Amino acid sequence: MSSKNTMFLATLVLFAMPAAASAAATASAVTALNLRSGPGPQYSVVGAINQNGQVTINGCLQGSLWCEVSYAGKQGWAYSQYLTMNLSGRSLIVSQNLANIPVITQAPATTTVETVGAAPIVAGTAVQTVIPAPAPATTVETVGVASPAPVVAGTLVEPTPAAPLAIMPAPTVGSYVTTHPLDPVYLNGEVVVGAGLPENVTLAPVPGYDYDYAYVNSVPVLVEPSTRRIAYIYR
């Protein structure tokens, strides 16, 4: 084969290659972040991404701020408001650059879900569409279908640029919080240190301690009562 023909074939192969925008992207977590089994606060936590942890974004759900990512050998879903990526030498929030990330058109369905009693109430939202409320259930086991979406009743207030709260509660505090669970409140967005809770989220006191607590998106958190900001997350 002549060198001219070889060059012509190489050019055809080059143009046939997919665009770089369709490839998986790399991002960094700006804060410690939950890794969930699905794209929403109602899905279970399957792991945690460390602050500054590097993740591979496999794709983001169409019309949503949730992205499927791989981190430390584990795959799950993370909230893109707290992920940044480098693009043309700039660090940009993933949620504002979804056009450069592969699109996932359908959310995954769970396989075995047990629903007991009425659906939990959600009392917050963070830049996402409020999830519609399902009909109340009474001890029903559902196999092979998506889990019912919880009722969303508010919005998580994203952290301010100020330094996040940093506390190290005693083990006795954690023991009290985990042995005295509250009805979960679901908020659109993700639970991170420094995020604020809406006024309609009821806080419970920890005896002899300066911080209250709540169960937000199925995760127990300590909250500074005066500012209603999340100060500690039990992962």
C-alpha atoms as a PDB file:
ATOM      1  CA  MET A   1       0.000   0.000   0.000  1.00  0.00           C
ATOM      2  CA  SER A   2       1.361   3.388  -0.920  1.00  0.00           C
ATOM      3  CA  SER A   3       2.180   5.995   1.725  1.00  0.00           C
ATOM      4  CA  LYS A   4      -0.477   8.276   0.190  1.00  0.00           C
ATOM      5  CA  ASN A   5      -3.210   5.654   0.719  1.00  0.00           C
ATOM      6  CA  THR A   6      -1.988   4.984   4.254  1.00  0.00           C
ATOM      7  CA  MET A   7      -2.298   8.655   5.134  1.00  0.00           C
ATOM      8  CA  PHE A   8      -5.816   8.755   3.610  1.00  0.00           C
ATOM      9  CA  LEU A   9      -6.989   5.772   5.740  1.00  0.00           C
ATOM     10  CA  ALA A  10      -5.470   7.256   8.897  1.00  0.00           C
ATOM     11  CA  THR A  11      -7.386  10.462   8.258  1.00  0.00           C
ATOM     12  CA  LEU A  12     -10.652   8.508   7.893  1.00  0.00           C
ATOM     13  CA  VAL A  13     -10.028   6.689  11.196  1.00  0.00           C
ATOM     14  CA  LEU A  14      -9.287   9.967  12.961  1.00  0.00           C
ATOM     15  CA  PHE A  15     -12.564  11.542  11.803  1.00  0.00           C
ATOM     16  CA  ALA A  16     -14.489   8.391  12.752  1.00  0.00           C
ATOM     17  CA  MET A  17     -13.359   8.577  16.389  1.00  0.00           C
ATOM     18  CA  PRO A  18     -16.005   9.794  18.913  1.00  0.00           C
ATOM     19  CA  ALA A  19     -15.750  13.335  20.228  1.00  0.00           C
ATOM     20  CA  ALA A  20     -13.922  13.880  23.512  1.00  0.00           C
ATOM     21  CA  ALA A  21     -17.089  15.296  25.079  1.00  0.00           C
ATOM     22  CA  SER A  22     -18.616  11.773  25.092  1.00  0.00           C
ATOM     23  CA  ALA A  23     -15.805  10.354  27.213  1.00  0.00           C
ATOM     24  CA  ALA A  24     -15.987  10.025  30.982  1.00  0.00           C
ATOM     25  CA  ALA A  25     -14.806  13.134  32.847  1.00  0.00           C
ATOM     26  CA  THR A  26     -12.708  13.505  35.994  1.00  0.00           C
ATOM     27  CA  ALA A  27     -13.859  15.707  38.868  1.00  0.00           C
ATOM     28  CA  SER A  28     -12.896  16.603  42.430  1.00  0.00           C
ATOM     29  CA  ALA A  29     -15.175  16.784  45.490  1.00  0.00           C
ATOM     30  CA  VAL A  30     -15.044  20.191  47.173  1.00  0.00           C
ATOM     31  CA  THR A  31     -16.324  18.663  50.426  1.00  0.00           C
ATOM     32  CA  ALA A  32     -16.869  15.208  51.899  1.00  0.00           C
ATOM     33  CA  LEU A  33     -19.792  13.833  49.913  1.00  0.00           C
ATOM     34  CA  ASN A  34     -22.139  10.862  50.148  1.00  0.00           C
ATOM     35  CA  LEU A  35     -22.046   8.225  47.442  1.00  0.00           C
ATOM     36  CA  ARG A  36     -25.612   6.952  46.931  1.00  0.00           C
ATOM     37  CA  SER A  37     -27.134   3.926  45.229  1.00  0.00           C
ATOM     38  CA  GLY A  38     -29.248   6.148  42.973  1.00  0.00           C
ATOM     39  CA  PRO A  39     -29.755   9.727  41.794  1.00  0.00           C
ATOM     40  CA  GLY A  40     -31.586  11.304  44.715  1.00  0.00           C
ATOM     41  CA  PRO A  41     -31.653  11.809  48.494  1.00  0.00           C
ATOM     42  CA  GLN A  42     -34.102   8.929  48.930  1.00  0.00           C
ATOM     43  CA  TYR A  43     -31.494   6.382  47.809  1.00  0.00           C
ATOM     44  CA  SER A  44     -29.295   4.640  50.383  1.00  0.00           C
ATOM     45  CA  VAL A  45     -25.715   5.744  51.107  1.00  0.00           C
ATOM     46  CA  VAL A  46     -23.245   3.172  49.796  1.00  0.00           C
ATOM     47  CA  GLY A  47     -20.036   5.061  50.564  1.00  0.00           C
ATOM     48  CA  ALA A  48     -18.421   8.462  50.967  1.00  0.00           C
ATOM     49  CA  ILE A  49     -16.135  10.567  48.795  1.00  0.00           C
ATOM     50  CA  ASN A  50     -13.363  12.315  50.724  1.00  0.00           C
ATOM     51  CA  GLN A  51     -12.865  16.061  50.399  1.00  0.00           C
ATOM     52  CA  ASN A  52     -10.683  16.655  47.314  1.00  0.00           C
ATOM     53  CA  GLY A  53     -11.281  13.025  46.314  1.00  0.00           C
ATOM     54  CA  GLN A  54     -10.949  12.405  42.561  1.00  0.00           C
ATOM     55  CA  VAL A  55     -13.917  10.730  40.873  1.00  0.00           C
ATOM     56  CA  THR A  56     -14.651   9.588  37.357  1.00  0.00           C
ATOM     57  CA  ILE A  57     -18.009  10.843  36.102  1.00  0.00           C
ATOM     58  CA  ASN A  58     -19.611   8.130  33.976  1.00  0.00           C
ATOM     59  CA  GLY A  59     -22.581  10.348  33.122  1.00  0.00           C
ATOM     60  CA  CYS A  60     -25.236  12.655  34.587  1.00  0.00           C
ATOM     61  CA  LEU A  61     -28.975  12.013  34.684  1.00  0.00           C
ATOM     62  CA  GLN A  62     -30.842  14.071  32.114  1.00  0.00           C
ATOM     63  CA  GLY A  63     -32.731  16.978  33.713  1.00  0.00           C
ATOM     64  CA  SER A  64     -31.079  16.357  37.081  1.00  0.00           C
ATOM     65  CA  LEU A  65     -28.060  17.456  39.130  1.00  0.00           C
ATOM     66  CA  TRP A  66     -27.062  13.884  40.020  1.00  0.00           C
ATOM     67  CA  CYS A  67     -24.176  12.107  38.307  1.00  0.00           C
ATOM     68  CA  GLU A  68     -23.074   8.483  38.278  1.00  0.00           C
ATOM     69  CA  VAL A  69     -19.448   8.341  39.423  1.00  0.00           C
ATOM     70  CA  SER A  70     -16.708   5.856  40.220  1.00  0.00           C
ATOM     71  CA  TYR A  71     -14.580   6.400  43.327  1.00  0.00           C
ATOM     72  CA  ALA A  72     -12.039   4.113  45.007  1.00  0.00           C
ATOM     73  CA  GLY A  73     -13.304   1.113  43.072  1.00  0.00           C
ATOM     74  CA  LYS A  74     -16.953   1.752  43.967  1.00  0.00           C
ATOM     75  CA  GLN A  75     -19.712   3.038  41.717  1.00  0.00           C
ATOM     76  CA  GLY A  76     -22.598   5.236  42.857  1.00  0.00           C
ATOM     77  CA  TRP A  77     -24.292   8.618  42.450  1.00  0.00           C
ATOM     78  CA  ALA A  78     -23.076  12.017  43.694  1.00  0.00           C
ATOM     79  CA  TYR A  79     -24.602  15.508  43.725  1.00  0.00           C
ATOM     80  CA  SER A  80     -22.884  17.592  41.048  1.00  0.00           C
ATOM     81  CA  GLN A  81     -23.179  20.922  42.911  1.00  0.00           C
ATOM     82  CA  TYR A  82     -20.189  19.792  45.025  1.00  0.00           C
ATOM     83  CA  LEU A  83     -18.010  18.432  42.229  1.00  0.00           C
ATOM     84  CA  THR A  84     -15.591  20.527  40.171  1.00  0.00           C
ATOM     85  CA  MET A  85     -13.765  19.735  36.952  1.00  0.00           C
ATOM     86  CA  ASN A  86     -10.967  21.366  34.982  1.00  0.00           C
ATOM     87  CA  LEU A  87     -11.972  22.676  31.592  1.00  0.00           C
ATOM     88  CA  SER A  88      -9.636  24.757  29.443  1.00  0.00           C
ATOM     89  CA  GLY A  89      -7.494  25.523  32.485  1.00  0.00           C
ATOM     90  CA  ARG A  90     -10.433  26.625  34.670  1.00  0.00           C
ATOM     91  CA  SER A  91     -12.011  24.901  37.656  1.00  0.00           C
ATOM     92  CA  LEU A  92     -15.757  24.767  37.064  1.00  0.00           C
ATOM     93  CA  ILE A  93     -18.701  23.311  38.981  1.00  0.00           C
ATOM     94  CA  VAL A  94     -19.907  20.163  37.253  1.00  0.00           C
ATOM     95  CA  SER A  95     -23.581  21.149  37.564  1.00  0.00           C
ATOM     96  CA  GLN A  96     -22.869  24.208  35.398  1.00  0.00           C
ATOM     97  CA  ASN A  97     -21.040  22.211  32.722  1.00  0.00           C
ATOM     98  CA  LEU A  98     -23.289  19.229  32.110  1.00  0.00           C
ATOM     99  CA  ALA A  99     -23.043  19.816  28.357  1.00  0.00           C
ATOM    100  CA  ASN A 100     -19.498  18.422  28.514  1.00  0.00           C
ATOM    101  CA  ILE A 101     -20.539  15.202  30.273  1.00  0.00           C
ATOM    102  CA  PRO A 102     -22.264  12.060  28.925  1.00  0.00           C
ATOM    103  CA  VAL A 103     -26.035  11.991  29.484  1.00  0.00           C
ATOM    104  CA  ILE A 104     -27.898   9.199  31.276  1.00  0.00           C
ATOM    105  CA  THR A 105     -31.531   9.222  30.196  1.00  0.00           C
ATOM    106  CA  GLN A 106     -33.051   6.845  32.761  1.00  0.00           C
ATOM    107  CA  ALA A 107     -32.599   6.505  36.527  1.00  0.00           C
ATOM    108  CA  PRO A 108     -31.877   3.036  37.908  1.00  0.00           C
ATOM    109  CA  ALA A 109     -34.646   1.077  39.617  1.00  0.00           C
ATOM    110  CA  THR A 110     -34.169  -0.712  42.914  1.00  0.00           C
ATOM    111  CA  THR A 111     -34.872  -4.451  43.020  1.00  0.00           C
ATOM    112  CA  THR A 112     -36.187  -5.140  46.513  1.00  0.00           C
ATOM    113  CA  VAL A 113     -37.835  -2.425  48.556  1.00  0.00           C
ATOM    114  CA  GLU A 114     -39.875  -2.767  51.711  1.00  0.00           C
ATOM    115  CA  THR A 115     -42.150   0.127  52.570  1.00  0.00           C
ATOM    116  CA  VAL A 116     -43.695   0.229  56.045  1.00  0.00           C
ATOM    117  CA  GLY A 117     -46.112   2.959  57.129  1.00  0.00           C
ATOM    118  CA  ALA A 118     -46.506   6.341  55.483  1.00  0.00           C
ATOM    119  CA  ALA A 119     -43.807   7.780  53.252  1.00  0.00           C
ATOM    120  CA  PRO A 120     -41.245  10.016  55.026  1.00  0.00           C
ATOM    121  CA  ILE A 121     -41.624  13.791  54.742  1.00  0.00           C
ATOM    122  CA  VAL A 122     -39.072  15.903  52.967  1.00  0.00           C
ATOM    123  CA  ALA A 123     -38.475  19.394  54.296  1.00  0.00           C
ATOM    124  CA  GLY A 124     -35.925  21.024  51.999  1.00  0.00           C
ATOM    125  CA  THR A 125     -34.565  21.438  48.437  1.00  0.00           C
ATOM    126  CA  ALA A 126     -31.289  22.465  46.727  1.00  0.00           C
ATOM    127  CA  VAL A 127     -31.723  23.563  43.113  1.00  0.00           C
ATOM    128  CA  GLN A 128     -33.692  20.484  42.059  1.00  0.00           C
ATOM    129  CA  THR A 129     -37.280  19.775  41.159  1.00  0.00           C
ATOM    130  CA  VAL A 130     -39.419  18.776  44.145  1.00  0.00           C
ATOM    131  CA  ILE A 131     -40.198  15.055  44.082  1.00  0.00           C
ATOM    132  CA  PRO A 132     -43.964  14.369  44.008  1.00  0.00           C
ATOM    133  CA  ALA A 133     -45.497  12.679  47.027  1.00  0.00           C
ATOM    134  CA  PRO A 134     -46.545   9.032  46.699  1.00  0.00           C
ATOM    135  CA  ALA A 135     -49.735   7.646  48.214  1.00  0.00           C
ATOM    136  CA  PRO A 136     -49.349   6.431  51.840  1.00  0.00           C
ATOM    137  CA  ALA A 137     -48.401   2.787  52.208  1.00  0.00           C
ATOM    138  CA  THR A 138     -49.099   0.255  54.933  1.00  0.00           C
ATOM    139  CA  THR A 139     -46.588  -2.569  55.313  1.00  0.00           C
ATOM    140  CA  VAL A 140     -46.123  -3.442  51.666  1.00  0.00           C
ATOM    141  CA  GLU A 141     -43.213  -5.329  50.158  1.00  0.00           C
ATOM    142  CA  THR A 142     -42.480  -4.357  46.564  1.00  0.00           C
ATOM    143  CA  VAL A 143     -40.105  -6.435  44.464  1.00  0.00           C
ATOM    144  CA  GLY A 144     -38.719  -5.500  41.071  1.00  0.00           C
ATOM    145  CA  VAL A 145     -39.902  -1.871  40.868  1.00  0.00           C
ATOM    146  CA  ALA A 146     -38.433   1.511  41.703  1.00  0.00           C
ATOM    147  CA  SER A 147     -38.717   2.612  45.332  1.00  0.00           C
ATOM    148  CA  PRO A 148     -41.439   5.197  46.050  1.00  0.00           C
ATOM    149  CA  ALA A 149     -40.146   8.751  46.156  1.00  0.00           C
ATOM    150  CA  PRO A 150     -40.386  10.437  49.570  1.00  0.00           C
ATOM    151  CA  VAL A 151     -42.328  13.630  50.057  1.00  0.00           C
ATOM    152  CA  VAL A 152     -40.104  16.698  49.661  1.00  0.00           C
ATOM    153  CA  ALA A 153     -41.096  19.707  51.774  1.00  0.00           C
ATOM    154  CA  GLY A 154     -38.248  22.219  51.545  1.00  0.00           C
ATOM    155  CA  THR A 155     -34.695  22.971  50.382  1.00  0.00           C
ATOM    156  CA  LEU A 156     -31.197  22.549  51.737  1.00  0.00           C
ATOM    157  CA  VAL A 157     -29.489  25.943  51.863  1.00  0.00           C
ATOM    158  CA  GLU A 158     -26.063  25.547  50.328  1.00  0.00           C
ATOM    159  CA  PRO A 159     -23.016  26.457  52.437  1.00  0.00           C
ATOM    160  CA  THR A 160     -21.849  30.070  52.459  1.00  0.00           C
ATOM    161  CA  PRO A 161     -18.262  30.960  51.499  1.00  0.00           C
ATOM    162  CA  ALA A 162     -17.482  31.315  55.217  1.00  0.00           C
ATOM    163  CA  ALA A 163     -15.374  28.602  56.835  1.00  0.00           C
ATOM    164  CA  PRO A 164     -17.511  25.527  57.557  1.00  0.00           C
ATOM    165  CA  LEU A 165     -18.292  24.538  61.105  1.00  0.00           C
ATOM    166  CA  ALA A 166     -15.864  21.995  62.509  1.00  0.00           C
ATOM    167  CA  ILE A 167     -16.719  20.083  65.656  1.00  0.00           C
ATOM    168  CA  MET A 168     -15.657  16.735  67.064  1.00  0.00           C
ATOM    169  CA  PRO A 169     -18.527  15.412  69.198  1.00  0.00           C
ATOM    170  CA  ALA A 170     -17.859  12.997  72.019  1.00  0.00           C
ATOM    171  CA  PRO A 171     -18.743   9.327  71.450  1.00  0.00           C
ATOM    172  CA  THR A 172     -21.572   9.676  73.961  1.00  0.00           C
ATOM    173  CA  VAL A 173     -23.236  12.249  71.674  1.00  0.00           C
ATOM    174  CA  GLY A 174     -23.061   9.912  68.717  1.00  0.00           C
ATOM    175  CA  SER A 175     -24.409   7.079  70.827  1.00  0.00           C
ATOM    176  CA  TYR A 176     -27.420   9.179  71.843  1.00  0.00           C
ATOM    177  CA  VAL A 177     -28.148  10.347  68.294  1.00  0.00           C
ATOM    178  CA  THR A 178     -27.965   6.852  66.812  1.00  0.00           C
ATOM    179  CA  THR A 179     -29.959   5.175  69.578  1.00  0.00           C
ATOM    180  CA  HIS A 180     -32.687   7.833  69.472  1.00  0.00           C
ATOM    181  CA  PRO A 181     -33.509   7.966  65.752  1.00  0.00           C
ATOM    182  CA  LEU A 182     -35.975  10.525  64.404  1.00  0.00           C
ATOM    183  CA  ASP A 183     -38.367  10.323  61.459  1.00  0.00           C
ATOM    184  CA  PRO A 184     -36.232  11.184  58.418  1.00  0.00           C
ATOM    185  CA  VAL A 185     -36.704  14.473  56.593  1.00  0.00           C
ATOM    186  CA  TYR A 186     -35.800  14.514  52.904  1.00  0.00           C
ATOM    187  CA  LEU A 187     -34.408  17.594  51.183  1.00  0.00           C
ATOM    188  CA  ASN A 188     -33.444  18.007  47.566  1.00  0.00           C
ATOM    189  CA  GLY A 189     -29.698  18.228  47.257  1.00  0.00           C
ATOM    190  CA  GLU A 190     -27.121  16.551  49.465  1.00  0.00           C
ATOM    191  CA  VAL A 191     -26.145  16.717  53.122  1.00  0.00           C
ATOM    192  CA  VAL A 192     -22.815  18.522  53.613  1.00  0.00           C
ATOM    193  CA  VAL A 193     -21.201  20.347  56.526  1.00  0.00           C
ATOM    194  CA  GLY A 194     -22.188  24.012  56.506  1.00  0.00           C
ATOM    195  CA  ALA A 195     -25.481  23.542  54.658  1.00  0.00           C
ATOM    196  CA  GLY A 196     -28.498  25.174  56.297  1.00  0.00           C
ATOM    197  CA  LEU A 197     -31.801  23.528  57.177  1.00  0.00           C
ATOM    198  CA  PRO A 198     -35.138  25.232  56.427  1.00  0.00           C
ATOM    199  CA  GLU A 199     -37.271  26.452  59.320  1.00  0.00           C
ATOM    200  CA  ASN A 200     -39.809  23.686  58.815  1.00  0.00           C
ATOM    201  CA  VAL A 201     -37.271  21.017  59.763  1.00  0.00           C
ATOM    202  CA  THR A 202     -37.757  20.156  63.444  1.00  0.00           C
ATOM    203  CA  LEU A 203     -34.559  19.810  65.471  1.00  0.00           C
ATOM    204  CA  ALA A 204     -34.253  17.617  68.558  1.00  0.00           C
ATOM    205  CA  PRO A 205     -31.971  18.473  71.504  1.00  0.00           C
ATOM    206  CA  VAL A 206     -29.101  16.324  72.691  1.00  0.00           C
ATOM    207  CA  PRO A 207     -29.201  16.356  76.524  1.00  0.00           C
ATOM    208  CA  GLY A 208     -26.349  18.418  77.970  1.00  0.00           C
ATOM    209  CA  TYR A 209     -24.963  19.373  74.548  1.00  0.00           C
ATOM    210  CA  ASP A 210     -24.869  22.651  72.596  1.00  0.00           C
ATOM    211  CA  TYR A 211     -25.979  21.147  69.282  1.00  0.00           C
ATOM    212  CA  ASP A 212     -29.328  19.716  68.211  1.00  0.00           C
ATOM    213  CA  TYR A 213     -29.773  16.869  65.777  1.00  0.00           C
ATOM    214  CA  ALA A 214     -31.985  15.657  62.917  1.00  0.00           C
ATOM    215  CA  TYR A 215     -32.105  12.869  60.374  1.00  0.00           C
ATOM    216  CA  VAL A 216     -31.765  14.488  56.946  1.00  0.00           C
ATOM    217  CA  ASN A 217     -31.887  12.380  53.774  1.00  0.00           C
ATOM    218  CA  SER A 218     -31.684   9.320  56.060  1.00  0.00           C
ATOM    219  CA  VAL A 219     -28.376  10.593  57.543  1.00  0.00           C
ATOM    220  CA  PRO A 220     -28.089  11.714  61.209  1.00  0.00           C
ATOM    221  CA  VAL A 221     -26.572  15.195  61.542  1.00  0.00           C
ATOM    222  CA  LEU A 222     -25.714  17.634  64.336  1.00  0.00           C
ATOM    223  CA  VAL A 223     -27.012  21.160  63.800  1.00  0.00           C
ATOM    224  CA  GLU A 224     -26.020  24.515  65.296  1.00  0.00           C
ATOM    225  CA  PRO A 225     -29.383  25.748  66.671  1.00  0.00           C
ATOM    226  CA  SER A 226     -28.818  29.489  66.157  1.00  0.00           C
ATOM    227  CA  THR A 227     -27.840  29.247  62.468  1.00  0.00           C
ATOM    228  CA  ARG A 228     -29.462  25.879  61.625  1.00  0.00           C
ATOM    229  CA  ARG A 229     -26.272  24.919  59.822  1.00  0.00           C
ATOM    230  CA  ILE A 230     -25.103  21.307  59.728  1.00  0.00           C
ATOM    231  CA  ALA A 231     -22.003  20.992  61.900  1.00  0.00           C
ATOM    232  CA  TYR A 232     -21.357  17.250  61.830  1.00  0.00           C
ATOM    233  CA  ILE A 233     -22.517  14.270  59.772  1.00  0.00           C
ATOM    234  CA  TYR A 234     -22.625  10.681  61.006  1.00  0.00           C
ATOM    235  CA  ARG A 235     -21.696   8.634  57.940  1.00  0.00           C
END
